[in-house]
Amino acid sequence: MIKDIFQSDRTVLSCEVFPPKRNDDIYSIFKTLDELQSFHLDFISVTYGAGGGTSKKTATIAAYIQNICEIEALAHLTSVAMDEAYLRQIVQELDAKGVHNVLALRGDQPKDMTDRDFQNRCFRHASDMIPVIREATDSDICIAAACYPEKHPESADVDEDLFYLKKKADTGVNFFITQMFFDNDKFLRFREKARACGIHTPITAGIMPITSAKQIGTSVQLSGSSVPTALSNLLAKYGDDPDAMYEAGIEYALRQIDGLIREQIDGIHLYTMNKSEVAQKIFSQIHVKR
């Protein structure tokens, strides 16, 4: 399981994929996974739609990663539209498919969910899911959770965010994956404060290569991540030249990753947007002990 990999004395490498929305596109993700297989990653995570619309695809894709690609699969579980019985059912289905690593997320309010239903949801926080996940199966299970180097958008401040992060850690989370960030200093300050709070769970850094100018607006809106001057300058210089922006975005991500590895990061988690060619350009240039 993934939790065992984090016990090794090396940087854990991983990436994220997401299920295609159209059923007839499902085979495209299998092709992407076959290409990712050659990078010898430690694990691959699979997202889950907030409304549960891609839940069956998540389980199918995670099983393909685990059993066909023979790479540890991390299945996202987004609880915002779940009740306890459904959460147990999904964990058991994953268990039956040989998938024993899950990422517990609350998730954002789906567009078709009323404010009242959102306020009355079964699980208020991701930490509320974790005891249920552990009790849902007799198998050993590895549970990951999310964290935010620049605080969750709904938190009043960093201290409140760290309070809830400590709560997640105390429930037995095996490792954390950060939301994307573009400034290593912000991550390093966050890691220092987390350790000072008694959070010693491994933290793997989420990196998203910005390979097009339009990508940055969507990414920042969803994540709440700030845009440092260096990235802003890069966008101003190359934003109107797609080819140059593509190369510059990959180079920026590589500089981030190199800097983090020098700081003895626990892991690097690449948000690939299902683009295996971006993953190949980055993973082929990362030099870590394997």
Protein backbone atom coordinates (compact mmCIF):
# COMPACT_ATOMS: atom_id res chain seq x y z
CA MET A 1 0.00 0.00 0.00
CA ILE A 2 0.98 3.62 -0.48
CA LYS A 3 1.53 4.22 3.25
CA ASP A 4 4.35 1.67 3.15
CA ILE A 5 6.06 3.48 0.25
CA PHE A 6 6.27 6.64 2.36
CA GLN A 7 8.35 4.69 4.89
CA SER A 8 11.15 4.37 2.33
CA ASP A 9 13.99 6.88 2.34
CA ARG A 10 13.18 8.55 -0.98
CA THR A 11 10.86 11.03 -2.70
CA VAL A 12 7.55 9.38 -3.61
CA LEU A 13 6.43 10.21 -7.17
CA SER A 14 2.79 10.14 -8.29
CA CYS A 15 0.23 11.80 -10.52
CA GLU A 16 -3.52 12.35 -10.84
CA VAL A 17 -5.91 11.40 -13.64
CA PHE A 18 -9.64 11.99 -13.96
CA PRO A 19 -12.40 9.88 -15.55
CA PRO A 20 -13.70 11.14 -18.91
CA LYS A 21 -17.24 12.48 -18.80
CA ARG A 22 -18.39 10.57 -21.89
CA ASN A 23 -18.75 6.81 -21.56
CA ASP A 24 -17.32 6.21 -25.02
CA ASP A 25 -14.10 8.03 -24.01
CA ILE A 26 -13.27 5.55 -21.24
CA TYR A 27 -10.69 3.76 -23.39
CA SER A 28 -8.73 6.99 -23.86
CA ILE A 29 -7.86 7.01 -20.17
CA PHE A 30 -6.65 3.42 -20.39
CA LYS A 31 -4.30 4.50 -23.19
CA THR A 32 -3.05 7.36 -21.02
CA LEU A 33 -2.48 4.98 -18.12
CA ASP A 34 -0.54 2.57 -20.32
CA GLU A 35 1.73 5.47 -21.24
CA LEU A 36 2.09 6.57 -17.59
CA GLN A 37 3.02 3.02 -16.62
CA SER A 38 6.46 3.43 -18.21
CA PHE A 39 7.36 6.24 -15.78
CA HIS A 40 7.54 3.77 -12.82
CA LEU A 41 5.42 5.94 -10.55
CA ASP A 42 4.70 4.97 -6.96
CA PHE A 43 0.96 5.60 -7.27
CA ILE A 44 -1.70 7.19 -9.49
CA SER A 45 -4.81 8.84 -8.09
CA VAL A 46 -8.23 8.92 -9.77
CA THR A 47 -10.69 11.74 -9.14
CA TYR A 48 -14.37 11.39 -8.24
CA GLY A 49 -17.12 13.79 -9.31
CA ALA A 50 -18.64 15.80 -6.47
CA GLY A 51 -22.11 14.57 -7.38
CA GLY A 52 -20.99 10.98 -7.79
CA GLY A 53 -21.53 11.00 -11.54
CA THR A 54 -18.20 9.34 -12.28
CA SER A 55 -18.05 7.04 -9.23
CA LYS A 56 -18.31 3.79 -11.18
CA LYS A 57 -15.65 5.02 -13.61
CA THR A 58 -13.39 5.90 -10.68
CA ALA A 59 -13.58 2.34 -9.36
CA THR A 60 -13.05 0.85 -12.83
CA ILE A 61 -10.05 3.06 -13.59
CA ALA A 62 -8.53 2.52 -10.14
CA ALA A 63 -8.84 -1.26 -10.62
CA TYR A 64 -7.09 -0.96 -14.00
CA ILE A 65 -4.22 0.96 -12.40
CA GLN A 66 -3.92 -1.51 -9.53
CA ASN A 67 -4.36 -4.79 -11.38
CA ILE A 68 -3.32 -4.18 -15.00
CA CYS A 69 -0.69 -1.45 -14.68
CA GLU A 70 0.45 -2.92 -11.33
CA ILE A 71 0.82 0.53 -9.80
CA GLU A 72 -0.77 1.47 -6.48
CA ALA A 73 -4.12 3.18 -7.17
CA LEU A 74 -5.52 5.93 -4.98
CA ALA A 75 -9.29 6.33 -5.42
CA HIS A 76 -10.76 9.72 -4.52
CA LEU A 77 -13.91 9.64 -2.38
CA THR A 78 -15.83 12.92 -2.39
CA SER A 79 -18.39 12.85 0.40
CA VAL A 80 -20.46 15.97 -0.23
CA ALA A 81 -23.28 14.04 -1.91
CA MET A 82 -22.87 10.76 0.03
CA ASP A 83 -24.58 9.23 2.99
CA GLU A 84 -22.90 6.69 5.27
CA ALA A 85 -24.42 3.62 3.59
CA TYR A 86 -23.25 4.72 0.14
CA LEU A 87 -19.75 5.48 1.40
CA ARG A 88 -19.51 2.00 2.92
CA GLN A 89 -20.75 0.48 -0.33
CA ILE A 90 -18.11 2.25 -2.44
CA VAL A 91 -15.28 1.30 -0.06
CA GLN A 92 -16.40 -2.33 -0.22
CA GLU A 93 -16.57 -2.22 -4.03
CA LEU A 94 -13.05 -0.84 -4.18
CA ASP A 95 -11.89 -3.50 -1.74
CA ALA A 96 -13.39 -6.23 -3.94
CA LYS A 97 -11.45 -4.82 -6.90
CA GLY A 98 -8.17 -4.89 -4.97
CA VAL A 99 -7.99 -1.13 -4.38
CA HIS A 100 -6.99 -0.40 -0.79
CA ASN A 101 -5.89 3.24 -0.98
CA VAL A 102 -8.43 6.10 -0.81
CA LEU A 103 -8.28 9.89 -0.68
CA ALA A 104 -10.99 11.26 1.63
CA LEU A 105 -12.33 14.61 0.42
CA ARG A 106 -15.33 16.69 1.35
CA GLY A 107 -15.67 18.25 -2.09
CA ASP A 108 -17.38 21.40 -3.32
CA GLN A 109 -21.11 21.95 -3.60
CA PRO A 110 -22.38 20.41 -6.88
CA LYS A 111 -24.20 22.80 -9.19
CA ASP A 112 -27.42 20.78 -8.95
CA MET A 113 -27.37 20.62 -5.11
CA THR A 114 -29.46 23.16 -3.22
CA ASP A 115 -27.92 25.24 -0.45
CA ARG A 116 -30.19 23.51 2.04
CA ASP A 117 -29.07 20.02 0.99
CA PHE A 118 -25.45 21.15 1.10
CA GLN A 119 -25.85 22.50 4.64
CA ASN A 120 -27.61 19.29 5.73
CA ARG A 121 -25.06 16.91 4.16
CA CYS A 122 -24.16 13.75 6.02
CA PHE A 123 -20.45 14.48 6.33
CA ARG A 124 -19.58 18.05 7.33
CA HIS A 125 -15.85 17.51 6.93
CA ALA A 126 -13.54 15.00 5.31
CA SER A 127 -12.39 13.96 8.78
CA ASP A 128 -15.94 12.72 9.50
CA MET A 129 -15.58 10.15 6.71
CA ILE A 130 -12.41 8.52 7.94
CA PRO A 131 -13.80 6.35 10.79
CA VAL A 132 -16.56 5.12 8.44
CA ILE A 133 -14.02 4.23 5.74
CA ARG A 134 -11.94 2.24 8.20
CA GLU A 135 -14.98 0.37 9.54
CA ALA A 136 -16.37 -0.40 6.08
CA THR A 137 -13.96 -3.23 5.35
CA ASP A 138 -11.97 -5.86 7.24
CA SER A 139 -9.02 -5.26 4.90
CA ASP A 140 -6.15 -3.00 5.84
CA ILE A 141 -6.65 0.35 4.15
CA CYS A 142 -4.50 3.41 3.48
CA ILE A 143 -6.27 6.77 3.80
CA ALA A 144 -4.97 10.04 2.37
CA ALA A 145 -6.44 13.52 2.85
CA ALA A 146 -6.01 16.97 1.32
CA CYS A 147 -4.24 20.00 2.72
CA TYR A 148 -3.83 23.62 1.62
CA PRO A 149 -0.46 25.40 1.79
CA GLU A 150 -2.28 28.74 1.49
CA LYS A 151 -5.24 27.64 3.69
CA HIS A 152 -8.62 26.31 2.63
CA PRO A 153 -10.75 29.06 1.00
CA GLU A 154 -13.39 28.62 3.73
CA SER A 155 -10.97 28.85 6.67
CA ALA A 156 -10.72 32.14 8.53
CA ASP A 157 -6.95 31.93 8.75
CA VAL A 158 -4.00 29.53 8.63
CA ASP A 159 -4.29 28.65 12.33
CA GLU A 160 -7.89 27.49 11.88
CA ASP A 161 -6.83 25.48 8.84
CA LEU A 162 -4.04 23.79 10.81
CA PHE A 163 -6.50 22.96 13.59
CA TYR A 164 -8.62 20.95 11.15
CA LEU A 165 -5.54 19.43 9.54
CA LYS A 166 -4.42 18.19 12.96
CA LYS A 167 -7.89 16.74 13.45
CA LYS A 168 -7.51 14.80 10.19
CA ALA A 169 -4.05 13.59 11.22
CA ASP A 170 -5.36 12.44 14.59
CA THR A 171 -8.01 10.26 12.92
CA GLY A 172 -5.19 8.19 11.40
CA VAL A 173 -4.63 9.72 7.96
CA ASN A 174 -1.58 8.02 6.45
CA PHE A 175 -0.44 10.90 4.23
CA PHE A 176 -1.54 14.28 2.88
CA ILE A 177 -1.60 15.65 -0.66
CA THR A 178 -1.53 19.42 -1.05
CA GLN A 179 -3.69 21.51 -3.28
CA MET A 180 -1.64 22.95 -6.14
CA PHE A 181 0.65 25.85 -5.33
CA PHE A 182 3.10 27.90 -7.36
CA ASP A 183 5.38 29.36 -4.67
CA ASN A 184 7.66 26.93 -2.83
CA ASP A 185 8.25 29.36 0.03
CA LYS A 186 4.56 29.26 0.91
CA PHE A 187 4.65 25.47 1.01
CA LEU A 188 7.80 25.36 3.14
CA ARG A 189 6.32 27.80 5.68
CA PHE A 190 3.15 25.70 5.77
CA ARG A 191 5.16 22.50 6.33
CA GLU A 192 7.13 24.13 9.15
CA LYS A 193 3.93 25.28 10.89
CA ALA A 194 2.32 21.85 10.45
CA ARG A 195 5.29 20.12 12.05
CA ALA A 196 5.26 22.67 14.88
CA CYS A 197 1.60 21.76 15.50
CA GLY A 198 2.54 18.10 15.93
CA ILE A 199 1.52 16.99 12.42
CA HIS A 200 4.23 14.51 11.39
CA THR A 201 2.20 12.73 8.70
CA PRO A 202 3.98 12.68 5.28
CA ILE A 203 2.99 15.60 3.04
CA THR A 204 3.33 15.22 -0.72
CA ALA A 205 3.36 18.40 -2.81
CA GLY A 206 0.73 18.87 -5.52
CA ILE A 207 2.24 20.49 -8.63
CA MET A 208 0.26 21.60 -11.69
CA PRO A 209 2.26 22.56 -14.79
CA ILE A 210 0.68 25.68 -16.33
CA THR A 211 1.06 24.97 -20.05
CA SER A 212 -1.51 27.49 -21.36
CA ALA A 213 -2.47 31.01 -20.30
CA LYS A 214 -6.17 30.18 -19.87
CA GLN A 215 -5.31 27.37 -17.48
CA ILE A 216 -4.11 29.72 -14.76
CA GLY A 217 -7.47 31.48 -14.34
CA THR A 218 -9.37 28.23 -13.84
CA SER A 219 -6.70 26.75 -11.58
CA VAL A 220 -6.51 29.74 -9.27
CA GLN A 221 -10.30 30.06 -9.07
CA LEU A 222 -10.67 26.43 -8.01
CA SER A 223 -7.72 26.21 -5.66
CA GLY A 224 -7.39 29.66 -4.15
CA SER A 225 -3.65 29.52 -4.91
CA SER A 226 -1.81 32.79 -5.36
CA VAL A 227 0.21 33.59 -8.47
CA PRO A 228 3.79 34.68 -7.67
CA THR A 229 5.53 37.38 -9.68
CA ALA A 230 7.77 34.87 -11.47
CA LEU A 231 4.75 33.02 -12.86
CA SER A 232 2.92 36.26 -13.66
CA ASN A 233 5.93 37.46 -15.66
CA LEU A 234 6.07 34.17 -17.50
CA LEU A 235 2.39 34.46 -18.46
CA ALA A 236 2.89 38.05 -19.63
CA LYS A 237 5.86 37.05 -21.75
CA TYR A 238 4.57 33.83 -23.33
CA GLY A 239 0.79 33.92 -22.88
CA ASP A 240 0.11 34.75 -26.54
CA ASP A 241 2.49 32.10 -27.85
CA PRO A 242 1.01 28.64 -27.10
CA ASP A 243 4.14 26.66 -27.98
CA ALA A 244 6.44 28.88 -25.95
CA MET A 245 3.97 28.92 -23.04
CA TYR A 246 3.84 25.12 -23.07
CA GLU A 247 7.62 24.82 -22.75
CA ALA A 248 7.91 27.65 -20.23
CA GLY A 249 5.16 26.14 -18.04
CA ILE A 250 6.91 22.79 -17.92
CA GLU A 251 10.22 24.48 -17.10
CA TYR A 252 8.56 26.43 -14.27
CA ALA A 253 7.11 23.20 -12.81
CA LEU A 254 10.51 21.50 -13.06
CA ARG A 255 12.17 24.36 -11.17
CA GLN A 256 9.52 24.05 -8.46
CA ILE A 257 10.05 20.30 -8.20
CA ASP A 258 13.86 20.56 -8.14
CA GLY A 259 13.64 23.12 -5.34
CA LEU A 260 11.28 20.93 -3.32
CA ILE A 261 13.47 17.84 -3.72
CA ARG A 262 16.41 19.83 -2.35
CA GLU A 263 14.22 20.55 0.69
CA GLN A 264 13.70 16.80 1.21
CA ILE A 265 10.04 16.77 0.28
CA ASP A 266 8.10 13.59 1.13
CA GLY A 267 6.60 13.32 -2.36
CA ILE A 268 5.67 15.02 -5.63
CA HIS A 269 2.12 14.60 -6.95
CA LEU A 270 1.67 15.89 -10.50
CA TYR A 271 -1.72 17.17 -11.67
CA THR A 272 -1.40 16.01 -15.29
CA MET A 273 -4.90 16.88 -16.60
CA ASN A 274 -4.69 13.46 -18.35
CA LYS A 275 -1.82 14.69 -20.56
CA SER A 276 0.73 11.88 -20.57
CA GLU A 277 3.12 13.89 -22.72
CA VAL A 278 3.38 16.57 -19.99
CA ALA A 279 4.03 13.87 -17.40
CA GLN A 280 6.71 12.33 -19.60
CA LYS A 281 8.55 15.63 -20.05
CA ILE A 282 8.57 16.22 -16.30
CA PHE A 283 9.15 12.76 -14.84
CA SER A 284 11.95 12.06 -17.32
CA GLN A 285 13.85 15.05 -15.90
CA ILE A 286 13.29 14.45 -12.18
CA HIS A 287 16.35 12.96 -10.48
CA VAL A 288 15.51 11.19 -7.22
CA LYS A 289 16.61 8.00 -5.53
CA ARG A 290 14.39 5.13 -6.68
